């Protein structure tokens, strides 16, 4: 049989037909495998995990066949339960594929500790500005002692206790200032551990 006769034969056309069918079947199964392996068109809505414990968040994500990773703790937020989810990525409501990792940040158990700076000799305004800048609350119940420097910082107090530079307190702690009253006469003032405020000279002559 010549080549021309072969190309005109039924055998040739059968082989062509089988080849086409084979290619179509291969493409179909390849597409099916890719859809299964990549979860094509399968979308899962990310749940809202805020304020859940890590155990609750894990259980919720497992039910949806989603994974999670815990990042470093975020800044402490007193409106959230301790060690609960405070941030998540992707956000709640986003659509993701199965097995997608959800990144979680947890609320610390307390405010972080902050080192108290050396404020001795600073003005009241300078001290207030510096303490607020690093996260402390400055109380308005000032204590005055005999000192030539009026409204100059001569000490700090927290909950009735004298505190010093380089001590550590939790952020958002209240710090009271001990200030000079500008008094030039008499012995230098002594910082009281506790007790009533010494008013500046001339403000209350009856005492």
Protein backbone atom coordinates (compact mmCIF):
# COMPACT_ATOMS: atom_id res chain seq x y z
CA UNK A 1 0.00 0.00 0.00
CA UNK A 2 1.42 3.35 -1.03
CA UNK A 3 1.56 6.37 1.28
CA UNK A 4 -1.18 8.09 -0.66
CA UNK A 5 -3.40 5.06 -0.39
CA UNK A 6 -2.69 4.88 3.39
CA UNK A 7 -3.75 8.49 3.92
CA UNK A 8 -6.99 7.67 2.08
CA UNK A 9 -7.63 4.48 4.00
CA UNK A 10 -10.07 3.94 6.88
CA UNK A 11 -7.17 2.91 9.10
CA UNK A 12 -5.59 6.35 8.84
CA UNK A 13 -8.83 8.14 9.68
CA UNK A 14 -9.44 5.80 12.61
CA UNK A 15 -5.99 6.61 14.02
CA UNK A 16 -6.64 10.33 13.61
CA UNK A 17 -9.98 9.95 15.38
CA UNK A 18 -8.40 7.98 18.25
CA UNK A 19 -5.66 10.60 18.57
CA UNK A 20 -8.18 13.45 18.78
CA UNK A 21 -10.27 11.56 21.33
CA UNK A 22 -7.13 10.83 23.35
CA UNK A 23 -6.13 14.51 23.38
CA UNK A 24 -9.63 15.60 24.44
CA UNK A 25 -9.72 13.05 27.26
CA UNK A 26 -6.22 14.08 28.42
CA UNK A 27 -7.14 17.78 28.48
CA UNK A 28 -10.36 17.01 30.40
CA UNK A 29 -8.58 15.01 33.10
CA UNK A 30 -5.76 17.56 33.30
CA UNK A 31 -8.27 20.35 33.89
CA UNK A 32 -10.10 18.23 36.47
CA UNK A 33 -6.85 17.50 38.32
CA UNK A 34 -5.85 21.15 38.34
CA UNK A 35 -9.24 22.16 39.71
CA UNK A 36 -8.97 19.63 42.51
CA UNK A 37 -5.34 20.33 43.37
CA UNK A 38 -5.71 24.12 43.42
CA UNK A 39 -9.27 24.25 44.84
CA UNK A 40 -10.27 26.24 41.78
CA UNK A 41 -13.36 28.40 42.32
CA UNK A 42 -13.67 27.20 45.94
CA UNK A 43 -14.05 30.24 48.19
CA UNK A 44 -14.36 30.29 51.98
CA UNK A 45 -15.46 33.41 53.83
CA UNK A 46 -13.07 34.33 56.65
CA UNK A 47 -14.93 34.50 60.00
CA UNK A 48 -14.60 37.31 62.53
CA UNK A 49 -12.17 36.03 65.16
CA UNK A 50 -11.82 39.18 67.25
CA UNK A 51 -12.01 38.66 71.03
CA UNK A 52 -11.90 34.86 70.68
CA UNK A 53 -9.35 32.85 72.65
CA UNK A 54 -6.74 31.03 70.60
CA UNK A 55 -8.54 27.73 71.31
CA UNK A 56 -11.86 29.14 70.08
CA UNK A 57 -10.22 30.61 66.98
CA UNK A 58 -8.49 27.30 66.21
CA UNK A 59 -11.75 25.38 66.51
CA UNK A 60 -13.57 27.85 64.24
CA UNK A 61 -10.86 27.74 61.57
CA UNK A 62 -10.57 23.95 61.68
CA UNK A 63 -14.28 23.64 60.92
CA UNK A 64 -13.71 25.73 57.77
CA UNK A 65 -10.52 23.84 56.83
CA UNK A 66 -8.39 26.96 57.28
CA UNK A 67 -4.96 27.15 58.90
CA UNK A 68 -3.62 29.90 61.16
CA UNK A 69 -0.35 31.41 62.34
CA UNK A 70 0.05 33.40 65.57
CA UNK A 71 2.15 36.54 65.16
CA UNK A 72 3.87 38.49 67.93
CA UNK A 73 1.47 40.09 70.37
CA UNK A 74 0.05 43.48 69.47
CA UNK A 75 -0.24 46.50 71.75
CA UNK A 76 -2.35 45.90 74.82
CA UNK A 77 -5.98 46.95 74.45
CA UNK A 78 -7.98 46.97 77.71
CA UNK A 79 -11.27 46.60 75.81
CA UNK A 80 -10.25 43.12 74.61
CA UNK A 81 -9.94 40.03 76.84
CA UNK A 82 -6.38 39.10 77.71
CA UNK A 83 -4.74 36.71 75.21
CA UNK A 84 -7.69 37.04 72.82
CA UNK A 85 -7.45 37.74 69.09
CA UNK A 86 -6.99 41.46 68.56
CA UNK A 87 -5.96 41.51 64.88
CA UNK A 88 -6.41 39.14 61.95
CA UNK A 89 -5.24 39.02 58.34
CA UNK A 90 -7.10 38.50 56.01
CA UNK A 91 -9.90 40.51 57.56
CA UNK A 92 -13.27 39.04 58.44
CA UNK A 93 -15.51 38.74 55.39
CA UNK A 94 -12.71 38.17 52.88
CA UNK A 95 -12.94 35.12 50.61
CA UNK A 96 -9.99 32.73 50.53
CA UNK A 97 -9.17 29.23 49.33
CA UNK A 98 -9.14 26.12 51.48
CA UNK A 99 -6.06 25.69 53.71
CA UNK A 100 -5.30 29.42 53.54
CA UNK A 101 -3.28 30.66 56.53
CA UNK A 102 -5.00 33.26 58.70
CA UNK A 103 -2.50 35.41 60.62
CA UNK A 104 -3.56 36.26 64.17
CA UNK A 105 -2.22 38.73 66.75
CA UNK A 106 -3.14 38.29 70.42
CA UNK A 107 -3.86 40.90 73.07
CA UNK A 108 -1.09 40.91 75.72
CA UNK A 109 -2.04 40.27 79.34
CA UNK A 110 -1.03 43.79 80.42
CA UNK A 111 0.50 47.04 79.27
CA UNK A 112 4.22 46.79 78.56
CA UNK A 113 6.68 48.12 81.13
CA UNK A 114 8.24 51.52 80.46
CA UNK A 115 11.46 52.86 82.00
CA UNK A 116 11.07 56.05 84.01
CA UNK A 117 13.37 58.81 82.70
CA UNK A 118 15.50 61.10 84.87
CA UNK A 119 13.38 64.23 85.23
CA UNK A 120 15.14 65.83 88.18
CA UNK A 121 15.62 69.52 87.46
CA UNK A 122 13.12 69.63 84.59
CA UNK A 123 10.27 72.09 84.62
CA UNK A 124 6.76 70.86 85.29
CA UNK A 125 5.80 71.42 81.66
CA UNK A 126 8.84 69.53 80.35
CA UNK A 127 8.24 66.60 82.70
CA UNK A 128 4.55 66.34 81.81
CA UNK A 129 5.34 66.40 78.10
CA UNK A 130 8.05 63.73 78.38
CA UNK A 131 6.01 61.40 80.59
CA UNK A 132 2.97 61.60 78.33
CA UNK A 133 5.12 60.98 75.25
CA UNK A 134 6.24 57.58 76.59
CA UNK A 135 2.78 56.50 77.68
CA UNK A 136 2.34 57.61 81.30
CA UNK A 137 -0.56 59.58 82.77
CA UNK A 138 0.49 62.60 84.83
CA UNK A 139 -1.66 63.23 87.88
CA UNK A 140 -2.71 66.71 88.93
CA UNK A 141 -2.26 66.15 92.67
CA UNK A 142 1.13 67.86 92.86
CA UNK A 143 3.26 67.71 95.99
CA UNK A 144 5.30 70.84 96.81
CA UNK A 145 8.45 70.97 98.92
CA UNK A 146 10.69 73.83 99.99
CA UNK A 147 13.03 74.36 97.06
CA UNK A 148 14.27 77.49 95.30
CA UNK A 149 13.26 76.11 91.92
CA UNK A 150 9.58 76.90 91.57
CA UNK A 151 7.70 74.20 89.63
CA UNK A 152 10.97 72.32 89.09
CA UNK A 153 10.75 68.54 89.42
CA UNK A 154 12.39 67.21 92.59
CA UNK A 155 10.85 63.74 92.64
CA UNK A 156 8.17 61.39 91.36
CA UNK A 157 5.54 59.35 93.12
CA UNK A 158 3.32 56.43 92.08
CA UNK A 159 0.48 55.26 94.35
CA UNK A 160 2.06 57.04 97.29
CA UNK A 161 5.50 55.48 96.74
CA UNK A 162 8.59 57.42 95.71
CA UNK A 163 9.94 56.18 92.39
CA UNK A 164 13.30 56.84 90.76
CA UNK A 165 14.80 57.13 87.31
CA UNK A 166 15.28 53.74 85.60
CA UNK A 167 12.49 52.13 87.61
CA UNK A 168 9.86 50.46 85.45
CA UNK A 169 6.11 50.94 85.49
CA UNK A 170 3.35 49.70 83.23
CA UNK A 171 2.34 52.03 80.45
CA UNK A 172 -0.69 54.16 81.41
CA UNK A 173 0.37 54.23 85.08
CA UNK A 174 -0.37 57.49 86.91
CA UNK A 175 2.70 59.41 88.06
CA UNK A 176 2.51 62.36 90.46
CA UNK A 177 5.11 65.13 90.36
CA UNK A 178 6.97 66.46 93.40
CA UNK A 179 7.85 70.09 92.69
CA UNK A 180 9.77 72.93 94.25
CA UNK A 181 7.66 75.75 95.68
CA UNK A 182 10.17 78.55 95.04
CA UNK A 183 10.81 79.06 98.77
CA UNK A 184 14.22 80.71 99.30
CA UNK A 185 14.35 80.66 103.09
CA UNK A 186 14.70 77.74 105.45
CA UNK A 187 16.17 74.29 105.06
CA UNK A 188 15.81 72.41 101.77
CA UNK A 189 12.55 70.55 101.46
CA UNK A 190 12.35 66.85 102.26
CA UNK A 191 10.35 64.68 99.91
CA UNK A 192 7.62 62.98 101.96
CA UNK A 193 6.94 59.30 101.41
CA UNK A 194 3.26 59.87 102.13
CA UNK A 195 1.08 62.48 103.65
CA UNK A 196 -0.57 65.82 102.87
CA UNK A 197 0.66 68.22 100.23
CA UNK A 198 2.86 71.09 101.42
CA UNK A 199 1.36 74.20 99.84
CA UNK A 200 3.71 76.85 98.40
CA UNK A 201 4.59 79.70 100.72
CA UNK A 202 1.98 82.44 100.74
CA UNK A 203 -0.86 80.30 99.38
CA UNK A 204 -2.18 79.34 102.82
CA UNK A 205 -0.72 81.52 105.59
CA UNK A 206 -3.09 80.16 108.22
CA UNK A 207 -1.36 76.77 108.28
